[in-house]
């Protein structure tokens, strides 16, 4: 039986809130589902809330509202937070991404999260509503 996890996009006000919303969608109130892109990808592969066999659907309701909340401004905020922890070899790329996000260009956090979902789950898993 296919399990459907519903992300209520109207509740996503930024990246930290996204982690809480998706954690609760998958694991119930207070549920944990990773708090960074890498752990999010790991959780989607199964065994950490999602079925190991990949038989699930993520229905992201009001995704346009989430896209705005996870847009360039939030992307720039996130990237600024990474600067102090980044390996020095990654700083030029990170600064370039930050400059682009600050100018309203390039992929957003929303774009990256969609990419992770599409890369780490079977085809047809994501439904944007």
C-alpha atoms as a PDB file:
ATOM      1  CA  UNK A   1       0.000   0.000   0.000  1.00  0.00           C
ATOM      2  CA  UNK A   2       1.394   3.380  -1.024  1.00  0.00           C
ATOM      3  CA  UNK A   3       1.880   5.837   1.804  1.00  0.00           C
ATOM      4  CA  UNK A   4       1.242   9.542   1.116  1.00  0.00           C
ATOM      5  CA  UNK A   5       3.132  12.197   3.048  1.00  0.00           C
ATOM      6  CA  UNK A   6       1.607  15.661   2.831  1.00  0.00           C
ATOM      7  CA  UNK A   7       3.768  18.764   3.089  1.00  0.00           C
ATOM      8  CA  UNK A   8       1.525  21.706   3.885  1.00  0.00           C
ATOM      9  CA  UNK A   9       3.296  24.409   1.916  1.00  0.00           C
ATOM     10  CA  UNK A  10       1.413  27.183   3.676  1.00  0.00           C
ATOM     11  CA  UNK A  11       3.289  26.215   6.861  1.00  0.00           C
ATOM     12  CA  UNK A  12       6.725  26.552   5.249  1.00  0.00           C
ATOM     13  CA  UNK A  13       8.013  29.991   6.202  1.00  0.00           C
ATOM     14  CA  UNK A  14      11.720  29.260   5.738  1.00  0.00           C
ATOM     15  CA  UNK A  15      14.197  26.403   5.659  1.00  0.00           C
ATOM     16  CA  UNK A  16      14.105  25.623   9.387  1.00  0.00           C
ATOM     17  CA  UNK A  17      10.332  25.434   9.288  1.00  0.00           C
ATOM     18  CA  UNK A  18      10.522  23.195   6.185  1.00  0.00           C
ATOM     19  CA  UNK A  19      12.602  20.662   8.147  1.00  0.00           C
ATOM     20  CA  UNK A  20       9.936  20.605  10.881  1.00  0.00           C
ATOM     21  CA  UNK A  21       7.015  20.377   8.445  1.00  0.00           C
ATOM     22  CA  UNK A  22       8.515  17.501   6.460  1.00  0.00           C
ATOM     23  CA  UNK A  23       9.565  15.710   9.666  1.00  0.00           C
ATOM     24  CA  UNK A  24       6.027  15.903  11.020  1.00  0.00           C
ATOM     25  CA  UNK A  25       4.547  14.842   7.671  1.00  0.00           C
ATOM     26  CA  UNK A  26       6.640  11.681   7.672  1.00  0.00           C
ATOM     27  CA  UNK A  27       7.074  10.861  11.355  1.00  0.00           C
ATOM     28  CA  UNK A  28       4.208  12.643  13.126  1.00  0.00           C
ATOM     29  CA  UNK A  29       4.262  15.541  15.614  1.00  0.00           C
ATOM     30  CA  UNK A  30       7.802  16.445  16.598  1.00  0.00           C
ATOM     31  CA  UNK A  31       9.086  14.092  13.910  1.00  0.00           C
ATOM     32  CA  UNK A  32      12.624  14.357  12.627  1.00  0.00           C
ATOM     33  CA  UNK A  33      13.559  14.012   8.973  1.00  0.00           C
ATOM     34  CA  UNK A  34      16.964  15.599   8.658  1.00  0.00           C
ATOM     35  CA  UNK A  35      17.908  19.249   9.060  1.00  0.00           C
ATOM     36  CA  UNK A  36      20.238  19.709   6.124  1.00  0.00           C
ATOM     37  CA  UNK A  37      20.142  18.708   2.452  1.00  0.00           C
ATOM     38  CA  UNK A  38      22.396  15.658   2.855  1.00  0.00           C
ATOM     39  CA  UNK A  39      20.465  14.138   5.751  1.00  0.00           C
ATOM     40  CA  UNK A  40      17.200  14.938   3.953  1.00  0.00           C
ATOM     41  CA  UNK A  41      18.437  12.936   0.952  1.00  0.00           C
ATOM     42  CA  UNK A  42      19.456  10.073   3.257  1.00  0.00           C
ATOM     43  CA  UNK A  43      16.015  10.011   4.887  1.00  0.00           C
ATOM     44  CA  UNK A  44      14.272   9.863   1.514  1.00  0.00           C
ATOM     45  CA  UNK A  45      16.150   6.692   0.561  1.00  0.00           C
ATOM     46  CA  UNK A  46      14.140   4.709   3.109  1.00  0.00           C
ATOM     47  CA  UNK A  47      14.473   3.248   6.558  1.00  0.00           C
ATOM     48  CA  UNK A  48      14.398   6.583   8.371  1.00  0.00           C
ATOM     49  CA  UNK A  49      10.683   7.212   8.238  1.00  0.00           C
ATOM     50  CA  UNK A  50       9.998   6.412   4.605  1.00  0.00           C
ATOM     51  CA  UNK A  51       9.412   2.808   3.486  1.00  0.00           C
ATOM     52  CA  UNK A  52      12.520   0.907   2.388  1.00  0.00           C
ATOM     53  CA  UNK A  53      10.753  -0.190  -0.795  1.00  0.00           C
ATOM     54  CA  UNK A  54      10.163   3.414  -1.908  1.00  0.00           C
ATOM     55  CA  UNK A  55       6.389   2.907  -2.036  1.00  0.00           C
ATOM     56  CA  UNK A  56       5.411   6.406  -0.987  1.00  0.00           C
ATOM     57  CA  UNK A  57       4.255   9.707  -2.424  1.00  0.00           C
ATOM     58  CA  UNK A  58       5.146  13.200  -1.278  1.00  0.00           C
ATOM     59  CA  UNK A  59       2.258  15.557  -1.922  1.00  0.00           C
ATOM     60  CA  UNK A  60       3.468  19.125  -1.565  1.00  0.00           C
ATOM     61  CA  UNK A  61       0.374  21.278  -1.234  1.00  0.00           C
ATOM     62  CA  UNK A  62       0.502  25.027  -1.822  1.00  0.00           C
ATOM     63  CA  UNK A  63       4.016  24.519  -3.180  1.00  0.00           C
ATOM     64  CA  UNK A  64       4.015  27.983  -4.785  1.00  0.00           C
ATOM     65  CA  UNK A  65       3.870  29.522  -1.310  1.00  0.00           C
ATOM     66  CA  UNK A  66       6.785  27.328  -0.218  1.00  0.00           C
ATOM     67  CA  UNK A  67       8.692  28.355  -3.343  1.00  0.00           C
ATOM     68  CA  UNK A  68       8.386  31.994  -2.275  1.00  0.00           C
ATOM     69  CA  UNK A  69       9.432  31.240   1.319  1.00  0.00           C
ATOM     70  CA  UNK A  70      12.401  29.188   0.091  1.00  0.00           C
ATOM     71  CA  UNK A  71      13.338  31.673  -2.620  1.00  0.00           C
ATOM     72  CA  UNK A  72      16.463  33.707  -3.231  1.00  0.00           C
ATOM     73  CA  UNK A  73      16.326  35.660   0.032  1.00  0.00           C
ATOM     74  CA  UNK A  74      16.179  32.487   2.144  1.00  0.00           C
ATOM     75  CA  UNK A  75      18.784  30.868  -0.101  1.00  0.00           C
ATOM     76  CA  UNK A  76      21.171  33.787   0.514  1.00  0.00           C
ATOM     77  CA  UNK A  77      20.544  33.574   4.281  1.00  0.00           C
ATOM     78  CA  UNK A  78      21.318  29.844   4.221  1.00  0.00           C
ATOM     79  CA  UNK A  79      24.485  30.335   2.167  1.00  0.00           C
ATOM     80  CA  UNK A  80      25.714  33.101   4.499  1.00  0.00           C
ATOM     81  CA  UNK A  81      25.349  30.627   7.354  1.00  0.00           C
ATOM     82  CA  UNK A  82      27.544  28.129   5.519  1.00  0.00           C
ATOM     83  CA  UNK A  83      30.418  30.562   4.954  1.00  0.00           C
ATOM     84  CA  UNK A  84      31.890  30.142   8.437  1.00  0.00           C
ATOM     85  CA  UNK A  85      31.823  26.347   8.249  1.00  0.00           C
ATOM     86  CA  UNK A  86      32.836  25.773   4.650  1.00  0.00           C
ATOM     87  CA  UNK A  87      36.080  24.166   3.604  1.00  0.00           C
ATOM     88  CA  UNK A  88      38.365  26.897   2.219  1.00  0.00           C
ATOM     89  CA  UNK A  89      38.420  25.154  -1.161  1.00  0.00           C
ATOM     90  CA  UNK A  90      34.629  25.618  -1.397  1.00  0.00           C
ATOM     91  CA  UNK A  91      34.578  29.314  -0.479  1.00  0.00           C
ATOM     92  CA  UNK A  92      34.911  30.734  -4.014  1.00  0.00           C
ATOM     93  CA  UNK A  93      31.962  28.653  -5.268  1.00  0.00           C
ATOM     94  CA  UNK A  94      29.930  29.434  -2.157  1.00  0.00           C
ATOM     95  CA  UNK A  95      30.583  33.175  -2.482  1.00  0.00           C
ATOM     96  CA  UNK A  96      29.573  33.056  -6.139  1.00  0.00           C
ATOM     97  CA  UNK A  97      26.328  31.245  -5.271  1.00  0.00           C
ATOM     98  CA  UNK A  98      25.666  33.779  -2.517  1.00  0.00           C
ATOM     99  CA  UNK A  99      26.215  36.705  -4.884  1.00  0.00           C
ATOM    100  CA  UNK A 100      23.839  35.163  -7.429  1.00  0.00           C
ATOM    101  CA  UNK A 101      21.168  34.459  -4.796  1.00  0.00           C
ATOM    102  CA  UNK A 102      21.537  38.000  -3.453  1.00  0.00           C
ATOM    103  CA  UNK A 103      20.887  39.271  -6.974  1.00  0.00           C
ATOM    104  CA  UNK A 104      17.802  37.073  -7.310  1.00  0.00           C
ATOM    105  CA  UNK A 105      19.510  34.677  -9.720  1.00  0.00           C
ATOM    106  CA  UNK A 106      20.241  30.979  -9.824  1.00  0.00           C
ATOM    107  CA  UNK A 107      18.602  28.033  -8.107  1.00  0.00           C
ATOM    108  CA  UNK A 108      16.799  28.510  -4.815  1.00  0.00           C
ATOM    109  CA  UNK A 109      16.484  26.265  -1.796  1.00  0.00           C
ATOM    110  CA  UNK A 110      13.086  25.249  -3.125  1.00  0.00           C
ATOM    111  CA  UNK A 111      14.697  24.186  -6.407  1.00  0.00           C
ATOM    112  CA  UNK A 112      17.363  22.222  -4.529  1.00  0.00           C
ATOM    113  CA  UNK A 113      14.804  20.442  -2.330  1.00  0.00           C
ATOM    114  CA  UNK A 114      12.800  19.430  -5.393  1.00  0.00           C
ATOM    115  CA  UNK A 115      15.996  18.156  -7.000  1.00  0.00           C
ATOM    116  CA  UNK A 116      16.801  16.066  -3.922  1.00  0.00           C
ATOM    117  CA  UNK A 117      13.304  14.573  -3.845  1.00  0.00           C
ATOM    118  CA  UNK A 118      13.446  13.737  -7.559  1.00  0.00           C
ATOM    119  CA  UNK A 119      16.977  12.296  -7.327  1.00  0.00           C
ATOM    120  CA  UNK A 120      16.417  10.193  -4.209  1.00  0.00           C
ATOM    121  CA  UNK A 121      12.943   8.775  -4.766  1.00  0.00           C
ATOM    122  CA  UNK A 122      11.297   6.682  -7.493  1.00  0.00           C
ATOM    123  CA  UNK A 123       9.703   8.468 -10.428  1.00  0.00           C
ATOM    124  CA  UNK A 124       6.237   9.737  -9.655  1.00  0.00           C
ATOM    125  CA  UNK A 125       6.903  10.144  -5.939  1.00  0.00           C
ATOM    126  CA  UNK A 126       6.485  13.931  -5.921  1.00  0.00           C
ATOM    127  CA  UNK A 127       3.118  15.592  -6.518  1.00  0.00           C
ATOM    128  CA  UNK A 128       3.063  19.368  -6.528  1.00  0.00           C
ATOM    129  CA  UNK A 129      -0.375  20.783  -5.759  1.00  0.00           C
END
